[in-house]
């Protein structure tokens, strides 16, 4: 059996492991559990614990689909077919799978009399996700599925490369800062910090990419 096949099998096993965990702790879970949280990560909707199977199953299913899509993105993307294979998408797929699995465990643990876990860990996990994606963003080649897919980056390989070089550092340090700051802030403030950081991570690369586009247009005239 190929090493890659073993690794992919282990990742899929990791993705479905929350369902195994849920089955093991099922007798200890309260009859009524939180199934929805407000913007401050406080539970605002409760339901029978049977609903946990649906929520955990959907999250695991989405994680598997995203993982398989990123592993096979070359089959669907005409831009990627023109360049040599890269391990970048495999790494990003693994990072996203680990993140969604952590969220699944967090959801189940919060339902099992640990509601504060959602409040304490949600935003730091989001920050770490941004940081990990930023760490690999510089290696993403032009494609239609992942990265900063703007009109200007998709029309120019130079624009794509320069934008992702800048965004890679921005996402890494922005995500790391979010993870550290939100670990020490109450959830309402972490929520505000999260959206400020998200705004910066999205808007600055867009403006930067557009400026490169305008400069390229000026050079062509």
N, C-alpha and C. Protein backbone atom coordinates (compact mmCIF):
# COMPACT_ATOMS: atom_id res chain seq x y z
N UNK A 1 0.84 -1.19 0.00
CA UNK A 1 0.00 0.00 0.00
C UNK A 1 0.88 1.25 0.00
N UNK A 2 0.54 2.22 -0.86
CA UNK A 2 1.31 3.44 -0.95
C UNK A 2 1.21 4.25 0.35
N UNK A 3 2.31 4.98 0.63
CA UNK A 3 2.32 5.82 1.83
C UNK A 3 1.22 6.87 1.78
N UNK A 4 1.00 7.45 0.60
CA UNK A 4 -0.04 8.48 0.46
C UNK A 4 -1.42 7.91 0.77
N UNK A 5 -1.66 6.67 0.35
CA UNK A 5 -2.96 6.04 0.63
C UNK A 5 -3.16 5.84 2.12
N UNK A 6 -2.10 5.44 2.81
CA UNK A 6 -2.18 5.27 4.26
C UNK A 6 -2.48 6.60 4.95
N UNK A 7 -1.79 7.65 4.51
CA UNK A 7 -1.99 8.98 5.10
C UNK A 7 -3.41 9.46 4.87
N UNK A 8 -3.90 9.32 3.65
CA UNK A 8 -5.27 9.75 3.35
C UNK A 8 -6.29 8.97 4.16
N UNK A 9 -6.04 7.69 4.35
CA UNK A 9 -6.94 6.86 5.15
C UNK A 9 -6.95 7.31 6.61
N UNK A 10 -5.77 7.67 7.12
CA UNK A 10 -5.67 8.15 8.50
C UNK A 10 -6.39 9.48 8.68
N UNK A 11 -6.30 10.35 7.66
CA UNK A 11 -7.00 11.65 7.75
C UNK A 11 -8.50 11.43 7.75
N UNK A 12 -8.99 10.55 6.88
CA UNK A 12 -10.43 10.26 6.85
C UNK A 12 -10.88 9.65 8.18
N UNK A 13 -10.05 8.76 8.75
CA UNK A 13 -10.36 8.18 10.06
C UNK A 13 -10.42 9.28 11.13
N UNK A 14 -9.49 10.23 11.05
CA UNK A 14 -9.52 11.36 11.98
C UNK A 14 -10.81 12.15 11.83
N UNK A 15 -11.24 12.36 10.60
CA UNK A 15 -12.44 13.15 10.34
C UNK A 15 -13.68 12.51 10.96
N UNK A 16 -13.76 11.18 10.87
CA UNK A 16 -14.96 10.50 11.39
C UNK A 16 -14.81 10.12 12.87
N UNK A 17 -13.62 10.36 13.44
CA UNK A 17 -13.40 9.99 14.85
C UNK A 17 -14.34 10.70 15.83
N UNK A 18 -14.78 11.94 15.56
CA UNK A 18 -15.76 12.54 16.49
C UNK A 18 -17.04 11.73 16.62
N UNK A 19 -17.45 11.05 15.55
CA UNK A 19 -18.65 10.22 15.62
C UNK A 19 -18.42 9.01 16.53
N UNK A 20 -17.20 8.47 16.49
CA UNK A 20 -16.84 7.36 17.38
C UNK A 20 -16.82 7.86 18.82
N UNK A 21 -16.24 9.04 19.01
CA UNK A 21 -16.19 9.66 20.34
C UNK A 21 -17.59 9.92 20.88
N UNK A 22 -18.47 10.39 20.01
CA UNK A 22 -19.86 10.65 20.42
C UNK A 22 -20.54 9.36 20.87
N UNK A 23 -20.29 8.28 20.16
CA UNK A 23 -20.90 6.99 20.53
C UNK A 23 -20.37 6.52 21.89
N UNK A 24 -19.10 6.77 22.17
CA UNK A 24 -18.51 6.31 23.43
C UNK A 24 -19.08 7.07 24.63
N UNK A 25 -19.23 8.41 24.48
CA UNK A 25 -19.67 9.23 25.62
C UNK A 25 -21.19 9.43 25.62
N UNK A 26 -21.89 8.77 24.72
CA UNK A 26 -23.33 8.99 24.57
C UNK A 26 -24.11 8.86 25.88
N UNK A 27 -23.86 7.86 26.70
CA UNK A 27 -24.65 7.73 27.94
C UNK A 27 -24.46 8.90 28.90
N UNK A 28 -23.33 9.60 28.83
CA UNK A 28 -23.06 10.69 29.77
C UNK A 28 -23.59 12.04 29.28
N UNK A 29 -24.06 12.11 28.04
CA UNK A 29 -24.53 13.39 27.49
C UNK A 29 -25.93 13.69 28.02
N UNK A 30 -26.19 14.93 28.47
CA UNK A 30 -27.52 15.29 28.97
C UNK A 30 -28.59 15.08 27.90
N UNK A 31 -29.82 14.92 28.34
CA UNK A 31 -30.93 14.70 27.40
C UNK A 31 -31.15 15.89 26.49
N UNK A 32 -31.03 17.09 27.06
CA UNK A 32 -31.18 18.32 26.29
C UNK A 32 -29.82 19.00 26.18
N UNK A 33 -29.43 19.37 24.95
CA UNK A 33 -28.11 19.94 24.73
C UNK A 33 -28.22 21.19 23.85
N UNK A 34 -27.22 22.08 23.92
CA UNK A 34 -27.21 23.24 23.01
C UNK A 34 -26.89 22.80 21.59
N UNK A 35 -27.62 23.33 20.62
CA UNK A 35 -27.39 22.99 19.22
C UNK A 35 -27.12 24.23 18.37
N UNK A 36 -27.16 25.40 19.00
CA UNK A 36 -26.88 26.65 18.27
C UNK A 36 -26.34 27.67 19.24
N UNK A 37 -25.44 28.54 18.72
CA UNK A 37 -24.80 29.54 19.56
C UNK A 37 -24.95 30.92 18.92
N UNK A 38 -25.08 31.97 19.76
CA UNK A 38 -25.17 33.32 19.24
C UNK A 38 -23.78 33.85 18.90
N UNK A 39 -23.69 35.12 18.51
CA UNK A 39 -22.41 35.69 18.10
C UNK A 39 -21.41 35.77 19.23
N UNK A 40 -21.90 35.74 20.47
CA UNK A 40 -21.02 35.74 21.63
C UNK A 40 -20.69 34.32 22.09
N UNK A 41 -21.07 33.35 21.24
CA UNK A 41 -20.83 31.92 21.52
C UNK A 41 -21.51 31.46 22.79
N UNK A 42 -22.68 32.02 23.06
CA UNK A 42 -23.53 31.56 24.14
C UNK A 42 -24.67 30.74 23.53
N UNK A 43 -25.02 29.60 24.11
CA UNK A 43 -26.08 28.78 23.53
C UNK A 43 -27.42 29.51 23.54
N UNK A 44 -28.08 29.56 22.39
CA UNK A 44 -29.38 30.23 22.30
C UNK A 44 -30.47 29.30 21.76
N UNK A 45 -30.11 28.03 21.52
CA UNK A 45 -31.11 27.06 21.08
C UNK A 45 -30.73 25.69 21.62
N UNK A 46 -31.72 25.00 22.18
CA UNK A 46 -31.48 23.68 22.76
C UNK A 46 -32.41 22.66 22.10
N UNK A 47 -31.96 21.42 22.08
CA UNK A 47 -32.76 20.37 21.47
C UNK A 47 -32.36 19.03 22.08
N UNK A 48 -33.04 17.98 21.68
CA UNK A 48 -32.71 16.63 22.13
C UNK A 48 -31.29 16.28 21.72
N UNK A 49 -30.62 15.49 22.53
CA UNK A 49 -29.23 15.13 22.22
C UNK A 49 -29.13 14.29 20.95
N UNK A 50 -30.24 13.73 20.49
CA UNK A 50 -30.21 12.98 19.24
C UNK A 50 -29.79 13.86 18.06
N UNK A 51 -30.06 15.17 18.20
CA UNK A 51 -29.68 16.10 17.14
C UNK A 51 -28.17 16.21 16.97
N UNK A 52 -27.41 15.80 17.98
CA UNK A 52 -25.95 15.85 17.86
C UNK A 52 -25.45 14.95 16.74
N UNK A 53 -26.12 13.83 16.53
CA UNK A 53 -25.69 12.94 15.46
C UNK A 53 -25.79 13.63 14.10
N UNK A 54 -26.85 14.39 13.90
CA UNK A 54 -27.02 15.10 12.64
C UNK A 54 -25.95 16.17 12.47
N UNK A 55 -25.73 16.97 13.52
CA UNK A 55 -24.74 18.05 13.45
C UNK A 55 -23.33 17.51 13.24
N UNK A 56 -22.96 16.52 14.05
CA UNK A 56 -21.62 15.95 13.94
C UNK A 56 -21.44 15.22 12.60
N UNK A 57 -22.50 14.56 12.14
CA UNK A 57 -22.43 13.86 10.86
C UNK A 57 -22.27 14.82 9.69
N UNK A 58 -23.01 15.94 9.73
CA UNK A 58 -22.89 16.94 8.66
C UNK A 58 -21.49 17.53 8.64
N UNK A 59 -20.96 17.86 9.81
CA UNK A 59 -19.63 18.45 9.88
C UNK A 59 -18.57 17.48 9.38
N UNK A 60 -18.68 16.20 9.75
CA UNK A 60 -17.74 15.20 9.25
C UNK A 60 -17.89 15.01 7.74
N UNK A 61 -19.13 14.99 7.27
CA UNK A 61 -19.36 14.82 5.84
C UNK A 61 -18.80 15.96 5.01
N UNK A 62 -19.02 17.19 5.48
CA UNK A 62 -18.48 18.36 4.78
C UNK A 62 -16.96 18.32 4.77
N UNK A 63 -16.38 17.92 5.89
CA UNK A 63 -14.92 17.83 5.99
C UNK A 63 -14.36 16.82 4.99
N UNK A 64 -14.99 15.66 4.87
CA UNK A 64 -14.55 14.64 3.91
C UNK A 64 -14.64 15.18 2.48
N UNK A 65 -15.75 15.85 2.16
CA UNK A 65 -15.94 16.37 0.81
C UNK A 65 -14.89 17.42 0.47
N UNK A 66 -14.61 18.34 1.40
CA UNK A 66 -13.60 19.36 1.16
C UNK A 66 -12.22 18.72 0.99
N UNK A 67 -11.94 17.76 1.83
CA UNK A 67 -10.64 17.06 1.76
C UNK A 67 -10.46 16.39 0.41
N UNK A 68 -11.47 15.65 -0.03
CA UNK A 68 -11.37 14.94 -1.30
C UNK A 68 -11.32 15.92 -2.48
N UNK A 69 -12.06 17.03 -2.38
CA UNK A 69 -12.05 18.02 -3.45
C UNK A 69 -10.66 18.63 -3.62
N UNK A 70 -10.03 19.01 -2.51
CA UNK A 70 -8.71 19.63 -2.58
C UNK A 70 -7.65 18.62 -3.05
N UNK A 71 -7.82 17.35 -2.70
CA UNK A 71 -6.87 16.34 -3.15
C UNK A 71 -6.96 16.12 -4.66
N UNK A 72 -8.16 16.31 -5.21
CA UNK A 72 -8.38 16.02 -6.62
C UNK A 72 -8.63 17.27 -7.46
N UNK A 73 -8.20 18.41 -6.94
CA UNK A 73 -8.51 19.68 -7.60
C UNK A 73 -7.90 19.76 -9.00
N UNK A 74 -6.78 19.08 -9.23
CA UNK A 74 -6.14 19.12 -10.54
C UNK A 74 -7.04 18.52 -11.63
N UNK A 75 -7.92 17.62 -11.25
CA UNK A 75 -8.79 17.00 -12.23
C UNK A 75 -9.86 17.96 -12.74
N UNK A 76 -10.17 18.99 -11.94
CA UNK A 76 -11.26 19.90 -12.31
C UNK A 76 -10.78 21.27 -12.76
N UNK A 77 -9.52 21.60 -12.45
CA UNK A 77 -9.04 22.96 -12.70
C UNK A 77 -8.11 22.99 -13.90
N UNK A 78 -8.50 23.63 -15.00
CA UNK A 78 -7.65 23.67 -16.20
C UNK A 78 -6.33 24.40 -15.98
N UNK A 79 -6.29 25.36 -15.04
CA UNK A 79 -5.04 26.08 -14.79
C UNK A 79 -3.99 25.15 -14.16
N UNK A 80 -4.43 24.29 -13.24
CA UNK A 80 -3.48 23.42 -12.54
C UNK A 80 -2.97 22.29 -13.42
N UNK A 81 -3.71 21.95 -14.47
CA UNK A 81 -3.27 20.88 -15.36
C UNK A 81 -2.03 21.27 -16.15
N UNK A 82 -1.78 22.57 -16.25
CA UNK A 82 -0.66 23.06 -17.06
C UNK A 82 0.65 23.11 -16.30
N UNK A 83 0.60 22.86 -14.98
CA UNK A 83 1.82 22.97 -14.17
C UNK A 83 2.08 21.65 -13.45
N UNK A 84 3.31 21.42 -12.96
CA UNK A 84 3.62 20.17 -12.26
C UNK A 84 2.80 20.03 -10.98
N UNK A 85 2.51 18.79 -10.55
CA UNK A 85 1.77 18.57 -9.30
C UNK A 85 2.47 19.20 -8.11
N UNK A 86 1.68 19.63 -7.14
CA UNK A 86 2.22 20.25 -5.93
C UNK A 86 1.58 19.62 -4.70
N UNK A 87 2.36 19.55 -3.61
CA UNK A 87 1.84 18.98 -2.37
C UNK A 87 1.08 20.03 -1.56
N UNK A 88 1.05 21.28 -2.03
CA UNK A 88 0.43 22.37 -1.28
C UNK A 88 -1.03 22.09 -0.99
N UNK A 89 -1.78 21.64 -1.98
CA UNK A 89 -3.21 21.40 -1.77
C UNK A 89 -3.44 20.26 -0.79
N UNK A 90 -2.56 19.27 -0.80
CA UNK A 90 -2.68 18.18 0.17
C UNK A 90 -2.50 18.71 1.59
N UNK A 91 -1.53 19.59 1.76
CA UNK A 91 -1.28 20.16 3.09
C UNK A 91 -2.45 21.04 3.54
N UNK A 92 -2.96 21.85 2.63
CA UNK A 92 -4.10 22.70 2.98
C UNK A 92 -5.32 21.84 3.30
N UNK A 93 -5.55 20.80 2.51
CA UNK A 93 -6.67 19.90 2.75
C UNK A 93 -6.56 19.27 4.13
N UNK A 94 -5.35 18.87 4.52
CA UNK A 94 -5.14 18.26 5.84
C UNK A 94 -5.39 19.26 6.95
N UNK A 95 -4.90 20.49 6.77
CA UNK A 95 -5.11 21.54 7.78
C UNK A 95 -6.60 21.81 7.98
N UNK A 96 -7.33 21.94 6.88
CA UNK A 96 -8.77 22.21 6.97
C UNK A 96 -9.49 21.03 7.63
N UNK A 97 -9.08 19.81 7.29
CA UNK A 97 -9.70 18.62 7.89
C UNK A 97 -9.45 18.58 9.39
N UNK A 98 -8.24 18.90 9.82
CA UNK A 98 -7.92 18.92 11.25
C UNK A 98 -8.73 19.99 11.95
N UNK A 99 -8.86 21.17 11.33
CA UNK A 99 -9.64 22.25 11.94
C UNK A 99 -11.10 21.86 12.11
N UNK A 100 -11.72 21.33 11.05
CA UNK A 100 -13.14 20.96 11.13
C UNK A 100 -13.35 19.81 12.13
N UNK A 101 -12.39 18.92 12.22
CA UNK A 101 -12.48 17.84 13.20
C UNK A 101 -12.40 18.40 14.62
N UNK A 102 -11.50 19.36 14.82
CA UNK A 102 -11.40 20.01 16.14
C UNK A 102 -12.71 20.71 16.49
N UNK A 103 -13.33 21.35 15.50
CA UNK A 103 -14.62 22.02 15.74
C UNK A 103 -15.69 21.00 16.08
N UNK A 104 -15.63 19.83 15.46
CA UNK A 104 -16.60 18.78 15.74
C UNK A 104 -16.46 18.28 17.18
N UNK A 105 -15.21 18.04 17.60
CA UNK A 105 -14.97 17.65 19.00
C UNK A 105 -15.43 18.75 19.96
N UNK A 106 -15.19 19.98 19.57
CA UNK A 106 -15.58 21.12 20.42
C UNK A 106 -17.10 21.17 20.56
N UNK A 107 -17.81 20.94 19.48
CA UNK A 107 -19.27 20.93 19.51
C UNK A 107 -19.79 19.83 20.42
N UNK A 108 -19.22 18.63 20.30
CA UNK A 108 -19.67 17.51 21.12
C UNK A 108 -19.33 17.72 22.58
N UNK A 109 -18.11 18.19 22.86
CA UNK A 109 -17.69 18.41 24.24
C UNK A 109 -18.50 19.52 24.89
N UNK A 110 -18.85 20.56 24.12
CA UNK A 110 -19.66 21.65 24.66
C UNK A 110 -21.05 21.15 25.05
N UNK A 111 -21.56 20.20 24.29
CA UNK A 111 -22.86 19.63 24.61
C UNK A 111 -22.80 18.74 25.85
N UNK A 112 -21.61 18.22 26.13
CA UNK A 112 -21.46 17.31 27.26
C UNK A 112 -21.00 18.07 28.51
N UNK A 113 -21.81 19.07 28.89
CA UNK A 113 -21.58 19.84 30.13
C UNK A 113 -20.27 20.63 30.12
N UNK A 114 -19.79 20.97 28.93
CA UNK A 114 -18.58 21.79 28.83
C UNK A 114 -18.83 22.98 27.90
N UNK A 115 -19.89 23.72 28.16
CA UNK A 115 -20.29 24.82 27.30
C UNK A 115 -19.20 25.87 27.16
N UNK A 116 -18.41 26.09 28.21
CA UNK A 116 -17.38 27.13 28.19
C UNK A 116 -16.27 26.84 27.19
N UNK A 117 -16.13 25.57 26.78
CA UNK A 117 -15.10 25.24 25.80
C UNK A 117 -15.31 26.00 24.49
N UNK A 118 -16.55 26.09 24.04
CA UNK A 118 -16.84 26.81 22.81
C UNK A 118 -16.44 28.27 22.95
N UNK A 119 -16.74 28.85 24.09
CA UNK A 119 -16.43 30.25 24.36
C UNK A 119 -14.93 30.50 24.38
N UNK A 120 -14.16 29.55 24.93
CA UNK A 120 -12.73 29.74 25.13
C UNK A 120 -11.88 29.39 23.90
N UNK A 121 -12.33 28.44 23.09
CA UNK A 121 -11.46 27.89 22.05
C UNK A 121 -11.82 28.24 20.62
N UNK A 122 -13.05 28.70 20.38
CA UNK A 122 -13.50 28.94 19.02
C UNK A 122 -12.61 29.94 18.27
N UNK A 123 -12.42 31.13 18.85
CA UNK A 123 -11.67 32.17 18.15
C UNK A 123 -10.18 31.86 18.05
N UNK A 124 -9.53 31.31 19.09
CA UNK A 124 -8.13 30.90 18.90
C UNK A 124 -7.96 29.87 17.78
N UNK A 125 -8.90 28.93 17.67
CA UNK A 125 -8.82 27.95 16.59
C UNK A 125 -8.96 28.62 15.22
N UNK A 126 -9.84 29.61 15.12
CA UNK A 126 -9.98 30.34 13.86
C UNK A 126 -8.69 31.06 13.51
N UNK A 127 -8.06 31.67 14.52
CA UNK A 127 -6.79 32.35 14.28
C UNK A 127 -5.71 31.40 13.79
N UNK A 128 -5.63 30.22 14.41
CA UNK A 128 -4.63 29.23 13.98
C UNK A 128 -4.91 28.75 12.56
N UNK A 129 -6.18 28.63 12.21
CA UNK A 129 -6.52 28.23 10.83
C UNK A 129 -6.01 29.26 9.84
N UNK A 130 -6.25 30.56 10.11
CA UNK A 130 -5.76 31.62 9.24
C UNK A 130 -4.24 31.56 9.12
N UNK A 131 -3.56 31.34 10.26
CA UNK A 131 -2.10 31.30 10.27
C UNK A 131 -1.57 30.13 9.44
N UNK A 132 -2.18 28.96 9.58
CA UNK A 132 -1.73 27.79 8.81
C UNK A 132 -1.97 27.99 7.32
N UNK A 133 -3.14 28.53 6.96
CA UNK A 133 -3.40 28.78 5.54
C UNK A 133 -2.42 29.81 5.01
N UNK A 134 -2.16 30.86 5.79
CA UNK A 134 -1.18 31.86 5.38
C UNK A 134 0.19 31.27 5.16
N UNK A 135 0.54 30.28 5.96
CA UNK A 135 1.86 29.65 5.85
C UNK A 135 2.04 28.95 4.50
N UNK A 136 0.94 28.45 3.92
CA UNK A 136 1.01 27.75 2.65
C UNK A 136 0.54 28.59 1.46
N UNK A 137 -0.04 29.76 1.74
CA UNK A 137 -0.64 30.56 0.67
C UNK A 137 0.37 30.96 -0.40
N UNK A 138 1.59 31.20 0.01
CA UNK A 138 2.62 31.63 -0.93
C UNK A 138 2.93 30.56 -1.97
N UNK A 139 2.59 29.30 -1.67
CA UNK A 139 2.90 28.19 -2.57
C UNK A 139 1.73 27.80 -3.46
N UNK A 140 0.60 28.47 -3.31
CA UNK A 140 -0.57 28.14 -4.13
C UNK A 140 -0.39 28.70 -5.54
N UNK A 141 -0.47 27.83 -6.52
CA UNK A 141 -0.36 28.25 -7.90
C UNK A 141 -1.72 28.74 -8.41
N UNK A 142 -1.72 29.55 -9.47
CA UNK A 142 -3.00 30.07 -9.99
C UNK A 142 -4.00 28.96 -10.27
N UNK A 143 -5.21 29.12 -9.75
CA UNK A 143 -6.26 28.12 -9.93
C UNK A 143 -7.60 28.77 -9.68
N UNK A 144 -8.66 28.02 -9.93
CA UNK A 144 -10.02 28.55 -9.79
C UNK A 144 -10.71 28.11 -8.50
N UNK A 145 -10.01 27.37 -7.62
CA UNK A 145 -10.67 26.79 -6.46
C UNK A 145 -10.19 27.35 -5.12
N UNK A 146 -8.92 27.71 -5.01
CA UNK A 146 -8.38 28.12 -3.71
C UNK A 146 -7.46 29.32 -3.88
N UNK A 147 -7.32 30.09 -2.80
CA UNK A 147 -6.48 31.27 -2.85
C UNK A 147 -7.31 32.52 -3.09
N UNK A 148 -6.63 33.62 -3.39
CA UNK A 148 -7.30 34.91 -3.62
C UNK A 148 -7.67 34.99 -5.10
N UNK A 149 -8.84 34.46 -5.42
CA UNK A 149 -9.29 34.34 -6.80
C UNK A 149 -10.01 35.62 -7.22
N UNK A 150 -9.23 36.65 -7.48
CA UNK A 150 -9.74 37.94 -7.89
C UNK A 150 -9.63 38.09 -9.40
N UNK A 151 -10.38 39.00 -10.01
CA UNK A 151 -10.27 39.18 -11.47
C UNK A 151 -8.84 39.48 -11.91
N UNK A 152 -8.09 40.20 -11.06
CA UNK A 152 -6.74 40.62 -11.44
C UNK A 152 -5.72 39.52 -11.20
N UNK A 153 -5.90 38.72 -10.16
CA UNK A 153 -4.95 37.63 -9.92
C UNK A 153 -5.15 36.50 -10.93
N UNK A 154 -6.39 36.25 -11.33
CA UNK A 154 -6.65 35.17 -12.28
C UNK A 154 -6.22 35.53 -13.70
N UNK A 155 -6.10 36.82 -13.98
CA UNK A 155 -5.72 37.24 -15.33
C UNK A 155 -4.23 37.48 -15.48
N UNK A 156 -3.48 37.42 -14.37
CA UNK A 156 -2.04 37.69 -14.43
C UNK A 156 -1.31 36.81 -13.43
N UNK A 157 -0.40 35.99 -13.90
CA UNK A 157 0.39 35.14 -13.01
C UNK A 157 1.28 35.99 -12.10
N UNK A 158 1.78 37.11 -12.62
CA UNK A 158 2.61 38.01 -11.81
C UNK A 158 1.79 38.59 -10.66
N UNK A 159 0.57 39.03 -10.98
CA UNK A 159 -0.32 39.58 -9.96
C UNK A 159 -0.64 38.53 -8.91
N UNK A 160 -0.92 37.31 -9.36
CA UNK A 160 -1.22 36.21 -8.43
C UNK A 160 -0.05 35.99 -7.49
N UNK A 161 1.16 35.90 -8.04
CA UNK A 161 2.34 35.60 -7.23
C UNK A 161 2.62 36.70 -6.21
N UNK A 162 2.60 37.96 -6.65
CA UNK A 162 2.91 39.06 -5.74
C UNK A 162 1.83 39.21 -4.67
N UNK A 163 0.56 39.07 -5.05
CA UNK A 163 -0.53 39.20 -4.09
C UNK A 163 -0.47 38.11 -3.03
N UNK A 164 -0.17 36.89 -3.46
CA UNK A 164 -0.12 35.79 -2.49
C UNK A 164 1.14 35.83 -1.63
N UNK A 165 2.21 36.39 -2.15
CA UNK A 165 3.40 36.57 -1.32
C UNK A 165 3.11 37.53 -0.18
N UNK A 166 2.44 38.63 -0.49
CA UNK A 166 2.08 39.60 0.55
C UNK A 166 1.03 39.03 1.50
N UNK A 167 -0.03 38.41 0.92
CA UNK A 167 -1.12 37.88 1.73
C UNK A 167 -0.66 36.76 2.64
N UNK A 168 0.33 35.99 2.20
CA UNK A 168 0.84 34.89 3.01
C UNK A 168 1.36 35.39 4.35
N UNK A 169 2.16 36.43 4.32
CA UNK A 169 2.69 37.00 5.57
C UNK A 169 1.57 37.64 6.39
N UNK A 170 0.67 38.34 5.72
CA UNK A 170 -0.43 39.01 6.41
C UNK A 170 -1.32 38.01 7.13
N UNK A 171 -1.69 36.93 6.44
CA UNK A 171 -2.57 35.92 7.03
C UNK A 171 -1.87 35.17 8.16
N UNK A 172 -0.58 34.88 7.98
CA UNK A 172 0.13 34.15 9.02
C UNK A 172 0.20 34.96 10.32
N UNK A 173 0.69 36.19 10.22
CA UNK A 173 0.85 37.00 11.43
C UNK A 173 -0.49 37.49 11.95
N UNK A 174 -1.44 37.78 11.07
CA UNK A 174 -2.77 38.18 11.51
C UNK A 174 -3.48 37.06 12.24
N UNK A 175 -3.39 35.84 11.68
CA UNK A 175 -4.01 34.68 12.33
C UNK A 175 -3.36 34.35 13.65
N UNK A 176 -2.02 34.44 13.69
CA UNK A 176 -1.30 34.15 14.93
C UNK A 176 -1.67 35.19 16.00
N UNK A 177 -1.75 36.44 15.60
CA UNK A 177 -2.14 37.49 16.54
C UNK A 177 -3.55 37.28 17.06
N UNK A 178 -4.47 36.90 16.16
CA UNK A 178 -5.85 36.63 16.58
C UNK A 178 -5.90 35.49 17.58
N UNK A 179 -5.14 34.42 17.33
CA UNK A 179 -5.14 33.26 18.23
C UNK A 179 -4.64 33.65 19.61
N UNK A 180 -3.59 34.45 19.66
CA UNK A 180 -3.02 34.83 20.96
C UNK A 180 -3.92 35.80 21.71
N UNK A 181 -4.39 36.83 21.00
CA UNK A 181 -5.22 37.85 21.66
C UNK A 181 -6.54 37.27 22.15
N UNK A 182 -7.20 36.48 21.29
CA UNK A 182 -8.52 35.94 21.66
C UNK A 182 -8.43 34.92 22.77
N UNK A 183 -7.24 34.35 22.99
CA UNK A 183 -7.08 33.39 24.08
C UNK A 183 -7.20 34.06 25.45
N UNK A 184 -7.00 35.38 25.49
CA UNK A 184 -7.03 36.10 26.75
C UNK A 184 -8.20 37.06 26.88
N UNK A 185 -9.01 37.17 25.82
CA UNK A 185 -10.14 38.10 25.85
C UNK A 185 -11.45 37.36 26.05
N UNK A 186 -12.44 37.99 26.70
CA UNK A 186 -13.78 37.40 26.76
C UNK A 186 -14.36 37.30 25.36
N UNK A 187 -15.28 36.37 25.17
CA UNK A 187 -15.83 36.10 23.85
C UNK A 187 -16.39 37.32 23.13
N UNK A 188 -17.15 38.21 23.77
CA UNK A 188 -17.68 39.37 23.03
C UNK A 188 -16.57 40.21 22.40
N UNK A 189 -15.46 40.40 23.10
CA UNK A 189 -14.35 41.18 22.56
C UNK A 189 -13.59 40.38 21.50
N UNK A 190 -13.46 39.09 21.71
CA UNK A 190 -12.80 38.24 20.72
C UNK A 190 -13.57 38.26 19.40
N UNK A 191 -14.88 38.31 19.50
CA UNK A 191 -15.73 38.38 18.31
C UNK A 191 -15.43 39.66 17.52
N UNK A 192 -15.28 40.78 18.21
CA UNK A 192 -14.98 42.05 17.56
C UNK A 192 -13.59 41.99 16.91
N UNK A 193 -12.61 41.48 17.66
CA UNK A 193 -11.25 41.36 17.14
C UNK A 193 -11.23 40.46 15.91
N UNK A 194 -11.99 39.37 15.95
CA UNK A 194 -12.03 38.45 14.83
C UNK A 194 -12.47 39.14 13.55
N UNK A 195 -13.54 39.93 13.61
CA UNK A 195 -14.04 40.58 12.40
C UNK A 195 -13.14 41.72 11.94
N UNK A 196 -12.46 42.36 12.86
CA UNK A 196 -11.47 43.37 12.46
C UNK A 196 -10.33 42.71 11.70
N UNK A 197 -9.81 41.61 12.27
CA UNK A 197 -8.73 40.88 11.60
C UNK A 197 -9.18 40.33 10.26
N UNK A 198 -10.39 39.76 10.21
CA UNK A 198 -10.91 39.21 8.96
C UNK A 198 -11.03 40.30 7.90
N UNK A 199 -11.51 41.46 8.30
CA UNK A 199 -11.63 42.59 7.37
C UNK A 199 -10.27 42.96 6.79
N UNK A 200 -9.27 43.04 7.66
CA UNK A 200 -7.91 43.39 7.22
C UNK A 200 -7.36 42.31 6.28
N UNK A 201 -7.54 41.04 6.63
CA UNK A 201 -7.00 39.94 5.82
C UNK A 201 -7.62 39.88 4.43
N UNK A 202 -8.84 40.36 4.31
CA UNK A 202 -9.53 40.32 3.01
C UNK A 202 -9.29 41.60 2.21
N UNK A 203 -9.45 42.74 2.83
CA UNK A 203 -9.42 44.01 2.10
C UNK A 203 -8.02 44.38 1.62
N UNK A 204 -7.01 44.24 2.48
CA UNK A 204 -5.66 44.65 2.09
C UNK A 204 -5.16 43.89 0.85
N UNK A 205 -5.30 42.55 0.78
CA UNK A 205 -4.87 41.87 -0.45
C UNK A 205 -5.65 42.31 -1.69
N UNK A 206 -6.94 42.61 -1.52
CA UNK A 206 -7.74 43.06 -2.66
C UNK A 206 -7.21 44.39 -3.19
N UNK A 207 -6.97 45.34 -2.28
CA UNK A 207 -6.45 46.65 -2.67
C UNK A 207 -5.06 46.50 -3.28
N UNK A 208 -4.24 45.67 -2.67
CA UNK A 208 -2.87 45.45 -3.16
C UNK A 208 -2.90 44.86 -4.57
N UNK A 209 -3.76 43.87 -4.78
CA UNK A 209 -3.86 43.25 -6.09
C UNK A 209 -4.34 44.25 -7.14
N UNK A 210 -5.29 45.08 -6.78
CA UNK A 210 -5.82 46.07 -7.73
C UNK A 210 -4.75 47.09 -8.10
N UNK A 211 -3.92 47.47 -7.14
CA UNK A 211 -2.85 48.43 -7.42
C UNK A 211 -1.82 47.83 -8.39
N UNK A 212 -1.53 46.54 -8.22
CA UNK A 212 -0.63 45.87 -9.16
C UNK A 212 -1.25 45.87 -10.55
N UNK A 213 -2.54 45.59 -10.62
CA UNK A 213 -3.26 45.59 -11.89
C UNK A 213 -3.17 46.96 -12.56
N UNK A 214 -3.38 48.03 -11.80
CA UNK A 214 -3.33 49.37 -12.37
C UNK A 214 -1.92 49.69 -12.85
N UNK A 215 -0.92 49.26 -12.09
CA UNK A 215 0.46 49.51 -12.51
C UNK A 215 0.80 48.76 -13.79
N UNK A 216 0.30 47.53 -13.90
CA UNK A 216 0.54 46.75 -15.11
C UNK A 216 -0.15 47.40 -16.31
N UNK A 217 -1.34 47.93 -16.09
CA UNK A 217 -2.08 48.60 -17.17
C UNK A 217 -1.32 49.84 -17.61
N UNK A 218 -0.74 50.57 -16.66
CA UNK A 218 0.01 51.78 -17.00
C UNK A 218 1.26 51.44 -17.81
N UNK A 219 1.93 50.34 -17.45
CA UNK A 219 3.14 49.92 -18.15
C UNK A 219 2.84 49.51 -19.59
N UNK A 220 1.64 48.99 -19.82
CA UNK A 220 1.28 48.53 -21.16
C UNK A 220 0.91 49.67 -22.11
N UNK A 221 0.62 50.83 -21.53
CA UNK A 221 0.19 51.96 -22.36
C UNK A 221 1.39 52.72 -22.94
